Amino acid sequence: MAVLMKWSSLGVLMLMVVLLSCFTGSSSGFDIDAHDVKTDADGKAFLLDEQDDFTWDDLSSDSAKNNTGVSSTAVGFIGAAVAVLFFGSNLVPIKKADTGDGMFYQWIDGIAIWQVGLIVNLVRGSPPFYPLAMLGGFLWTTGNVTVVPIIKTIGLSLGILIWGSLNLLTGWASGHFGLFGINKDKLHNPAFNYIGVSLAMLSAVLFLLVKPEVSKAAPSLDDEQTNLVDDSDSSNAVYTPIERPKDSSWVDKLSPLQKRVVGVVMAIFAGCLYGFNFVPCIWVQDNVDGASQNGLDYVFAHFCGICLTSSVYFMLYCIYMRNRPQIGVGVVIPSVVSGVMWGIAQSGWFIANFNLSESVSFPIITTGPGIIASLWGVLLFGEIRGVRNLLVLGLAFAITITGAVFTALSK
């Protein structure tokens, strides 16, 4: 029964990918007038439904509405909501899984992410493939594999604070200031945007003050496993285990000062890679003639970069481990479900980036998952307890939501 429930959940997640791709397709394309039949940059005609003139490739301006009657801004916020929900939940399936040192998990995770990208690509009608977009997947995966040594050198809390803050700031700055040759975001109220970003940074610090408790009621088998997730955190990274006593790592040979310096530098490096992982796709949209303006049309290439890079890193890891990688029992299906959820979340982020701009999407999507992850910790796992924790959590929720409102109003 448990296996059946897992596969049923996976089927539901796959269905959501298709529905999300189809629905948002109506709000991602080129500017066209309602009820018109036009051609795209490749000379292909947009197909209109005979009954209601619906087109999957219609995109109105930010202030107008597309043929579905839903504004592109509204669709952007729907994409952001999907990203927040699934980024905040994608680590729940592997909460109790024996993930070893995380390398096998990240490889299976990357394969599942690629499968989501394949579905999105088929739903979108196999749009042109831009290899440059794969660079974004390489950036994200490279940042992701540094998490293990970061945790071993400076700990999870400080690591999350550094890479999470840099993720927010670099992603926001790339769009706000037009870095690396991409177009500068146009905002109606920049002051509100600055306030929203500041509140998002403050909320990230407050979430770190919440101290989850390990449930004593958990089965004893779990005590013998290495869990990947710390429930106090969220969003766009893989959280890996504390070092097993039998393991030996190069970081163990460093002095305390060296560990701190190396950990901080690597956390800064990872945060920047996370923040810039969308830049290659946006650069193609802004600089390549005839390139699709639909963010979903770059999901497959981006996810191909993730799958390829994670595979290369896993092979290198296997060579380093002399073909004896740490592979936990029962980790495959939870890893696949986690990867599918992450793929859905990242697809929603692509939609939010295009319809809202990075200046708006990054402050919301990098902090919003903290609310979802914390709710899992309170309601499902019972690991966030006590008056102090709940008060801090409530304050963090309030600041996160307030920051999101200011960021939304800046659009």
Protein backbone atom coordinates (compact mmCIF):
# COMPACT_ATOMS: atom_id res chain seq x y z
CA MET A 1 0.00 0.00 0.00
CA ALA A 2 2.81 2.41 0.85
CA VAL A 3 4.47 1.73 -2.49
CA LEU A 4 1.16 2.28 -4.29
CA MET A 5 0.69 5.61 -2.52
CA LYS A 6 4.18 6.70 -3.50
CA TRP A 7 3.61 5.90 -7.17
CA SER A 8 0.17 7.55 -7.06
CA SER A 9 1.79 10.70 -5.67
CA LEU A 10 4.37 10.58 -8.43
CA GLY A 11 1.58 10.30 -11.02
CA VAL A 12 -0.18 13.32 -9.55
CA LEU A 13 3.05 15.33 -9.68
CA MET A 14 3.61 14.39 -13.33
CA LEU A 15 0.04 15.44 -14.13
CA MET A 16 0.67 18.81 -12.48
CA VAL A 17 3.68 19.32 -14.75
CA VAL A 18 1.49 18.83 -17.81
CA LEU A 19 -1.30 21.06 -16.50
CA LEU A 20 1.13 23.77 -15.43
CA SER A 21 2.84 23.70 -18.83
CA CYS A 22 -0.43 23.84 -20.72
CA PHE A 23 -1.98 26.60 -18.64
CA THR A 24 1.04 28.84 -18.57
CA GLY A 25 1.62 28.33 -22.24
CA SER A 26 -1.30 30.66 -22.74
CA SER A 27 0.66 33.41 -21.05
CA SER A 28 4.10 32.95 -22.59
CA GLY A 29 4.86 33.92 -26.11
CA PHE A 30 4.96 37.06 -28.26
CA ASP A 31 2.76 40.15 -27.93
CA ILE A 32 -0.34 39.69 -30.07
CA ASP A 33 -3.81 41.16 -30.13
CA ALA A 34 -6.66 39.00 -28.95
CA HIS A 35 -8.53 37.04 -31.63
CA ASP A 36 -5.77 37.57 -34.20
CA VAL A 37 -3.92 34.84 -36.07
CA LYS A 38 -0.26 35.73 -36.39
CA THR A 39 3.07 34.11 -37.03
CA ASP A 40 6.00 33.67 -34.69
CA ALA A 41 9.67 34.36 -35.34
CA ASP A 42 10.01 31.05 -37.18
CA GLY A 43 7.10 31.81 -39.47
CA LYS A 44 4.75 29.31 -37.85
CA ALA A 45 1.13 30.35 -37.49
CA PHE A 46 -0.49 30.54 -34.09
CA LEU A 47 -3.47 28.14 -33.96
CA LEU A 48 -6.72 29.50 -32.62
CA ASP A 49 -9.53 27.44 -31.19
CA GLU A 50 -12.66 27.60 -33.33
CA GLN A 51 -14.94 28.20 -30.38
CA ASP A 52 -13.18 30.66 -28.11
CA ASP A 53 -10.15 31.83 -30.10
CA PHE A 54 -7.78 30.37 -27.49
CA THR A 55 -4.09 30.11 -28.37
CA TRP A 56 -1.44 28.34 -26.33
CA ASP A 57 1.23 30.77 -27.49
CA ASP A 58 -0.51 34.04 -26.74
CA LEU A 59 1.17 36.51 -24.42
CA SER A 60 -0.17 39.93 -23.66
CA SER A 61 1.72 42.83 -22.19
CA ASP A 62 2.19 43.07 -18.45
CA SER A 63 -0.89 45.25 -18.03
CA ALA A 64 -3.16 43.53 -20.53
CA LYS A 65 -4.89 40.18 -20.48
CA ASN A 66 -4.35 37.20 -22.71
CA ASN A 67 -7.09 35.24 -24.43
CA THR A 68 -7.84 33.24 -21.29
CA GLY A 69 -8.80 36.44 -19.47
CA VAL A 70 -5.86 36.02 -17.07
CA SER A 71 -3.19 38.72 -17.03
CA SER A 72 0.40 37.70 -17.55
CA THR A 73 1.21 39.24 -14.16
CA ALA A 74 -1.35 36.96 -12.53
CA VAL A 75 0.15 33.94 -14.29
CA GLY A 76 3.57 35.03 -13.03
CA PHE A 77 2.32 35.01 -9.45
CA ILE A 78 0.73 31.60 -10.02
CA GLY A 79 4.14 30.35 -11.19
CA ALA A 80 5.74 31.88 -8.11
CA ALA A 81 3.15 30.22 -5.85
CA VAL A 82 3.83 26.83 -7.46
CA ALA A 83 7.57 27.37 -6.98
CA VAL A 84 7.14 28.33 -3.33
CA LEU A 85 4.88 25.35 -2.59
CA PHE A 86 7.10 22.73 -4.23
CA PHE A 87 10.46 24.17 -3.17
CA GLY A 88 9.14 24.16 0.38
CA SER A 89 7.98 20.53 0.06
CA ASN A 90 10.42 18.77 -2.27
CA LEU A 91 12.66 17.50 0.54
CA VAL A 92 9.81 15.95 2.53
CA PRO A 93 9.87 12.65 0.57
CA ILE A 94 13.50 12.01 1.53
CA LYS A 95 13.12 13.15 5.14
CA LYS A 96 13.40 9.57 6.45
CA ALA A 97 15.47 8.11 3.61
CA ASP A 98 19.03 6.90 4.10
CA THR A 99 20.73 9.31 1.69
CA GLY A 100 24.33 8.47 2.53
CA ASP A 101 26.63 11.34 1.64
CA GLY A 102 24.09 12.81 -0.79
CA MET A 103 25.95 12.16 -4.05
CA PHE A 104 23.79 9.24 -5.18
CA TYR A 105 20.70 11.21 -4.18
CA GLN A 106 21.72 14.23 -6.23
CA TRP A 107 22.33 12.01 -9.27
CA ILE A 108 18.88 10.33 -9.09
CA ASP A 109 17.42 13.75 -8.34
CA GLY A 110 19.02 15.14 -11.52
CA ILE A 111 17.61 12.31 -13.63
CA ALA A 112 14.10 12.91 -12.27
CA ILE A 113 14.46 16.63 -12.92
CA TRP A 114 15.42 15.87 -16.52
CA GLN A 115 12.27 13.76 -16.92
CA VAL A 116 10.16 16.72 -15.84
CA GLY A 117 11.97 18.84 -18.40
CA LEU A 118 11.25 16.24 -21.09
CA ILE A 119 7.52 16.35 -20.31
CA VAL A 120 7.50 20.15 -20.42
CA ASN A 121 9.41 20.03 -23.72
CA LEU A 122 6.87 17.64 -25.29
CA VAL A 123 3.92 19.66 -24.05
CA ARG A 124 5.49 22.78 -25.53
CA GLY A 125 5.89 21.05 -28.92
CA SER A 126 9.68 20.56 -28.78
CA PRO A 127 10.78 24.21 -29.18
CA PRO A 128 14.30 25.09 -30.43
CA PHE A 129 17.07 23.84 -28.15
CA TYR A 130 19.67 26.45 -27.13
CA PRO A 131 22.78 24.74 -25.71
CA LEU A 132 23.77 27.93 -23.90
CA ALA A 133 20.76 27.42 -21.62
CA MET A 134 22.44 24.25 -20.33
CA LEU A 135 25.03 26.48 -18.68
CA GLY A 136 22.39 27.46 -16.11
CA GLY A 137 21.96 23.81 -15.15
CA PHE A 138 25.72 23.46 -14.82
CA LEU A 139 25.85 26.50 -12.51
CA TRP A 140 23.09 25.22 -10.26
CA THR A 141 24.49 21.67 -10.00
CA THR A 142 28.01 22.92 -9.34
CA GLY A 143 26.73 25.05 -6.49
CA ASN A 144 24.72 22.12 -5.22
CA VAL A 145 27.65 19.70 -4.86
CA THR A 146 29.52 22.16 -2.63
CA VAL A 147 26.88 21.83 0.08
CA VAL A 148 28.51 18.76 1.68
CA PRO A 149 31.89 20.40 2.40
CA ILE A 150 30.13 23.63 3.40
CA ILE A 151 28.14 21.81 6.09
CA LYS A 152 31.25 19.99 7.28
CA THR A 153 33.26 23.20 7.59
CA ILE A 154 30.88 25.90 8.89
CA GLY A 155 27.66 24.01 9.66
CA LEU A 156 24.21 24.02 8.08
CA SER A 157 22.79 27.20 9.64
CA LEU A 158 25.64 29.53 8.72
CA GLY A 159 25.93 27.88 5.32
CA ILE A 160 22.24 28.42 4.56
CA LEU A 161 22.39 32.03 5.71
CA ILE A 162 25.33 32.79 3.40
CA TRP A 163 24.33 30.89 0.28
CA GLY A 164 20.62 31.77 0.68
CA SER A 165 21.34 35.47 1.05
CA LEU A 166 23.73 35.49 -1.90
CA ASN A 167 21.21 33.53 -3.97
CA LEU A 168 18.59 36.19 -3.31
CA LEU A 169 20.89 39.17 -3.85
CA THR A 170 22.68 37.95 -6.98
CA GLY A 171 19.50 36.76 -8.67
CA TRP A 172 17.72 40.00 -7.83
CA ALA A 173 20.69 42.16 -8.89
CA SER A 174 21.17 40.38 -12.23
CA GLY A 175 17.69 41.43 -13.32
CA HIS A 176 17.45 44.74 -11.47
CA PHE A 177 20.71 46.11 -12.83
CA GLY A 178 20.81 44.16 -16.11
CA LEU A 179 24.04 42.25 -15.43
CA PHE A 180 25.81 40.02 -17.98
CA GLY A 181 24.10 41.56 -20.98
CA ILE A 182 20.50 40.86 -20.03
CA ASN A 183 17.85 43.55 -20.16
CA LYS A 184 17.31 45.64 -17.05
CA ASP A 185 14.00 44.99 -15.30
CA LYS A 186 11.45 47.80 -15.50
CA LEU A 187 9.61 48.39 -12.24
CA HIS A 188 6.78 50.82 -11.55
CA ASN A 189 7.84 51.34 -7.95
CA PRO A 190 11.55 50.60 -7.32
CA ALA A 191 11.31 51.82 -3.71
CA PHE A 192 8.83 49.07 -2.86
CA ASN A 193 11.15 46.58 -4.50
CA TYR A 194 14.07 47.64 -2.30
CA ILE A 195 11.85 47.36 0.79
CA GLY A 196 10.71 43.89 -0.29
CA VAL A 197 14.28 42.67 -0.80
CA SER A 198 15.36 44.05 2.59
CA LEU A 199 12.47 42.33 4.36
CA ALA A 200 13.25 39.10 2.53
CA MET A 201 16.82 39.23 3.83
CA LEU A 202 15.56 39.88 7.36
CA SER A 203 13.14 36.96 7.20
CA ALA A 204 15.98 34.65 6.10
CA VAL A 205 17.86 35.53 9.30
CA LEU A 206 14.77 34.99 11.47
CA PHE A 207 14.13 31.53 10.03
CA LEU A 208 17.61 30.53 11.22
CA LEU A 209 16.65 31.42 14.79
CA VAL A 210 14.01 28.70 14.81
CA LYS A 211 15.49 25.59 16.43
CA PRO A 212 13.73 22.37 15.38
CA GLU A 213 13.68 19.42 17.76
CA VAL A 214 14.23 15.81 16.70
CA SER A 215 11.14 13.82 17.48
CA LYS A 216 11.80 11.19 20.12
CA ALA A 217 8.81 9.23 18.88
CA ALA A 218 10.47 8.44 15.60
CA PRO A 219 11.23 4.77 14.88
CA SER A 220 14.58 3.62 16.14
CA LEU A 221 15.57 2.59 12.62
CA ASP A 222 15.75 6.25 11.70
CA ASP A 223 18.45 6.78 14.27
CA GLU A 224 20.69 4.47 12.26
CA GLN A 225 20.10 6.36 9.04
CA THR A 226 21.65 9.53 7.76
CA ASN A 227 18.94 12.03 6.93
CA LEU A 228 19.40 14.68 4.29
CA VAL A 229 17.01 17.31 5.53
CA ASP A 230 17.17 19.87 8.26
CA ASP A 231 13.54 20.92 8.68
CA SER A 232 14.34 24.52 9.51
CA ASP A 233 15.23 25.27 5.91
CA SER A 234 13.82 25.47 2.44
CA SER A 235 14.16 26.12 -1.22
CA ASN A 236 16.68 25.82 -3.98
CA ALA A 237 19.38 23.48 -2.59
CA VAL A 238 20.11 19.89 -1.58
CA TYR A 239 20.77 19.44 2.12
CA THR A 240 23.20 16.70 2.89
CA PRO A 241 24.07 14.65 5.95
CA ILE A 242 26.41 15.15 8.81
CA GLU A 243 29.58 13.22 8.25
CA ARG A 244 29.47 9.57 9.19
CA PRO A 245 32.23 8.50 11.59
CA LYS A 246 33.65 6.02 9.09
CA ASP A 247 34.00 8.64 6.38
CA SER A 248 37.17 10.50 5.69
CA SER A 249 37.10 13.82 3.90
CA TRP A 250 39.72 16.33 2.82
CA VAL A 251 38.05 18.95 5.04
CA ASP A 252 38.92 16.89 8.14
CA LYS A 253 42.57 17.70 7.58
CA LEU A 254 41.98 21.46 7.81
CA SER A 255 42.51 23.53 10.93
CA PRO A 256 39.46 25.26 12.49
CA LEU A 257 40.45 28.60 10.92
CA GLN A 258 41.01 27.01 7.53
CA LYS A 259 37.66 25.25 7.75
CA ARG A 260 35.88 28.52 8.46
CA VAL A 261 37.60 30.37 5.62
CA VAL A 262 37.04 27.54 3.13
CA GLY A 263 33.41 27.09 4.21
CA VAL A 264 32.55 30.78 3.93
CA VAL A 265 34.22 31.11 0.52
CA MET A 266 32.44 28.02 -0.80
CA ALA A 267 29.08 29.21 0.56
CA ILE A 268 29.54 32.56 -1.19
CA PHE A 269 30.50 30.69 -4.37
CA ALA A 270 27.44 28.42 -4.17
CA GLY A 271 25.07 31.32 -3.49
CA CYS A 272 26.31 33.22 -6.53
CA LEU A 273 25.92 30.15 -8.76
CA TYR A 274 22.37 29.62 -7.51
CA GLY A 275 21.53 33.26 -8.14
CA PHE A 276 22.95 33.35 -11.67
CA ASN A 277 21.55 30.01 -12.87
CA PHE A 278 18.77 31.72 -14.87
CA VAL A 279 21.05 34.25 -16.57
CA PRO A 280 22.03 32.07 -19.61
CA CYS A 281 18.37 31.44 -20.48
CA ILE A 282 17.41 35.08 -20.07
CA TRP A 283 20.46 36.15 -22.10
CA VAL A 284 19.25 33.99 -25.01
CA GLN A 285 15.78 35.53 -24.77
CA ASP A 286 17.17 39.07 -24.75
CA ASN A 287 19.97 38.75 -27.30
CA VAL A 288 19.21 35.99 -29.82
CA ASP A 289 17.01 37.02 -32.74
CA GLY A 290 13.84 34.96 -32.96
CA ALA A 291 14.41 33.29 -29.59
CA SER A 292 11.23 32.24 -27.82
CA GLN A 293 10.06 34.54 -25.07
CA ASN A 294 8.32 31.68 -23.28
CA GLY A 295 10.32 30.74 -20.20
CA LEU A 296 9.09 27.14 -20.39
CA ASP A 297 10.85 26.73 -23.74
CA TYR A 298 14.19 26.81 -21.91
CA VAL A 299 13.30 24.36 -19.14
CA PHE A 300 14.42 21.27 -21.06
CA ALA A 301 17.84 22.67 -21.99
CA HIS A 302 18.33 23.93 -18.43
CA PHE A 303 17.40 20.54 -16.97
CA CYS A 304 19.62 18.76 -19.50
CA GLY A 305 22.48 20.78 -18.06
CA ILE A 306 21.52 19.64 -14.55
CA CYS A 307 21.29 15.96 -15.51
CA LEU A 308 24.53 15.97 -17.49
CA THR A 309 26.51 17.81 -14.84
CA SER A 310 25.18 15.70 -11.96
CA SER A 311 26.04 12.55 -13.92
CA VAL A 312 29.59 13.74 -14.55
CA TYR A 313 30.06 14.67 -10.89
CA PHE A 314 28.66 11.31 -9.76
CA MET A 315 31.05 9.42 -12.06
CA LEU A 316 33.98 11.44 -10.71
CA TYR A 317 32.76 10.71 -7.20
CA CYS A 318 32.60 6.97 -7.97
CA ILE A 319 36.16 7.08 -9.26
CA TYR A 320 37.27 8.92 -6.11
CA MET A 321 35.46 6.34 -3.95
CA ARG A 322 37.08 3.50 -5.94
CA ASN A 323 33.70 2.35 -7.21
CA ARG A 324 32.24 2.10 -3.70
CA PRO A 325 29.70 4.97 -3.55
CA GLN A 326 27.41 5.32 -0.56
CA ILE A 327 23.97 4.16 -1.71
CA GLY A 328 21.29 4.04 0.97
CA VAL A 329 18.53 1.43 1.06
CA GLY A 330 15.15 2.67 -0.14
CA VAL A 331 16.41 6.03 -1.40
CA VAL A 332 15.52 5.75 -5.10
CA ILE A 333 11.75 6.38 -5.15
CA PRO A 334 11.91 9.22 -2.57
CA SER A 335 14.72 10.79 -4.62
CA VAL A 336 12.67 10.54 -7.82
CA VAL A 337 9.63 12.14 -6.16
CA SER A 338 11.84 14.87 -4.70
CA GLY A 339 13.39 15.54 -8.10
CA VAL A 340 9.99 15.73 -9.82
CA MET A 341 8.79 18.23 -7.22
CA TRP A 342 11.93 20.31 -7.66
CA GLY A 343 11.48 20.24 -11.44
CA ILE A 344 7.91 21.51 -11.09
CA ALA A 345 9.08 24.25 -8.75
CA GLN A 346 11.87 25.36 -11.07
CA SER A 347 9.44 25.38 -14.02
CA GLY A 348 7.18 27.66 -12.01
CA TRP A 349 10.18 29.90 -11.34
CA PHE A 350 10.85 30.17 -15.08
CA ILE A 351 7.26 31.32 -15.54
CA ALA A 352 7.57 33.84 -12.70
CA ASN A 353 10.86 35.22 -14.03
CA PHE A 354 9.41 35.97 -17.43
CA ASN A 355 6.03 37.34 -16.35
CA LEU A 356 7.23 39.22 -13.26
CA SER A 357 11.01 39.75 -13.82
CA GLU A 358 13.83 38.51 -11.60
CA SER A 359 13.62 41.62 -9.43
CA VAL A 360 10.17 40.51 -8.30
CA SER A 361 10.41 36.71 -8.45
CA PHE A 362 13.67 36.19 -6.54
CA PRO A 363 12.71 37.89 -3.25
CA ILE A 364 9.45 35.94 -3.18
CA ILE A 365 10.68 32.50 -4.27
CA THR A 366 13.89 32.45 -2.24
CA THR A 367 12.10 33.20 1.04
CA GLY A 368 8.53 31.91 0.58
CA PRO A 369 9.48 28.21 0.77
CA GLY A 370 10.67 28.81 4.32
CA ILE A 371 7.03 29.19 5.33
CA ILE A 372 6.02 25.92 3.67
CA ALA A 373 8.98 23.99 5.05
CA SER A 374 8.32 25.33 8.54
CA LEU A 375 4.65 24.34 8.32
CA TRP A 376 5.75 20.80 7.44
CA GLY A 377 7.97 20.87 10.52
CA VAL A 378 5.13 22.06 12.75
CA LEU A 379 2.15 20.13 11.40
CA LEU A 380 3.62 16.87 10.08
CA PHE A 381 6.89 16.19 11.87
CA GLY A 382 6.17 18.06 15.11
CA GLU A 383 9.77 19.24 15.27
CA ILE A 384 9.15 22.96 15.78
CA ARG A 385 7.81 23.38 19.30
CA GLY A 386 7.84 25.78 22.18
CA VAL A 387 6.53 29.30 22.63
CA ARG A 388 9.80 30.95 21.63
CA ASN A 389 10.12 29.00 18.40
CA LEU A 390 6.51 29.61 17.43
CA LEU A 391 6.78 33.34 18.16
CA VAL A 392 9.94 33.67 16.07
CA LEU A 393 8.32 31.60 13.35
CA GLY A 394 5.22 33.78 13.35
CA LEU A 395 7.36 36.92 13.10
CA ALA A 396 9.32 35.40 10.22
CA PHE A 397 6.05 34.51 8.46
CA ALA A 398 4.74 38.06 8.88
CA ILE A 399 7.94 39.66 7.57
CA THR A 400 8.15 37.23 4.65
CA ILE A 401 4.55 37.91 3.62
CA THR A 402 4.99 41.67 4.05
CA GLY A 403 8.13 41.57 1.93
CA ALA A 404 6.32 39.58 -0.74
CA VAL A 405 3.50 42.14 -0.80
CA PHE A 406 5.95 45.04 -1.22
CA THR A 407 7.77 43.14 -3.95
CA ALA A 408 4.50 42.38 -5.74
CA LEU A 409 3.40 46.03 -5.56
CA SER A 410 6.71 47.11 -7.09
CA LYS A 411 5.66 45.38 -10.31
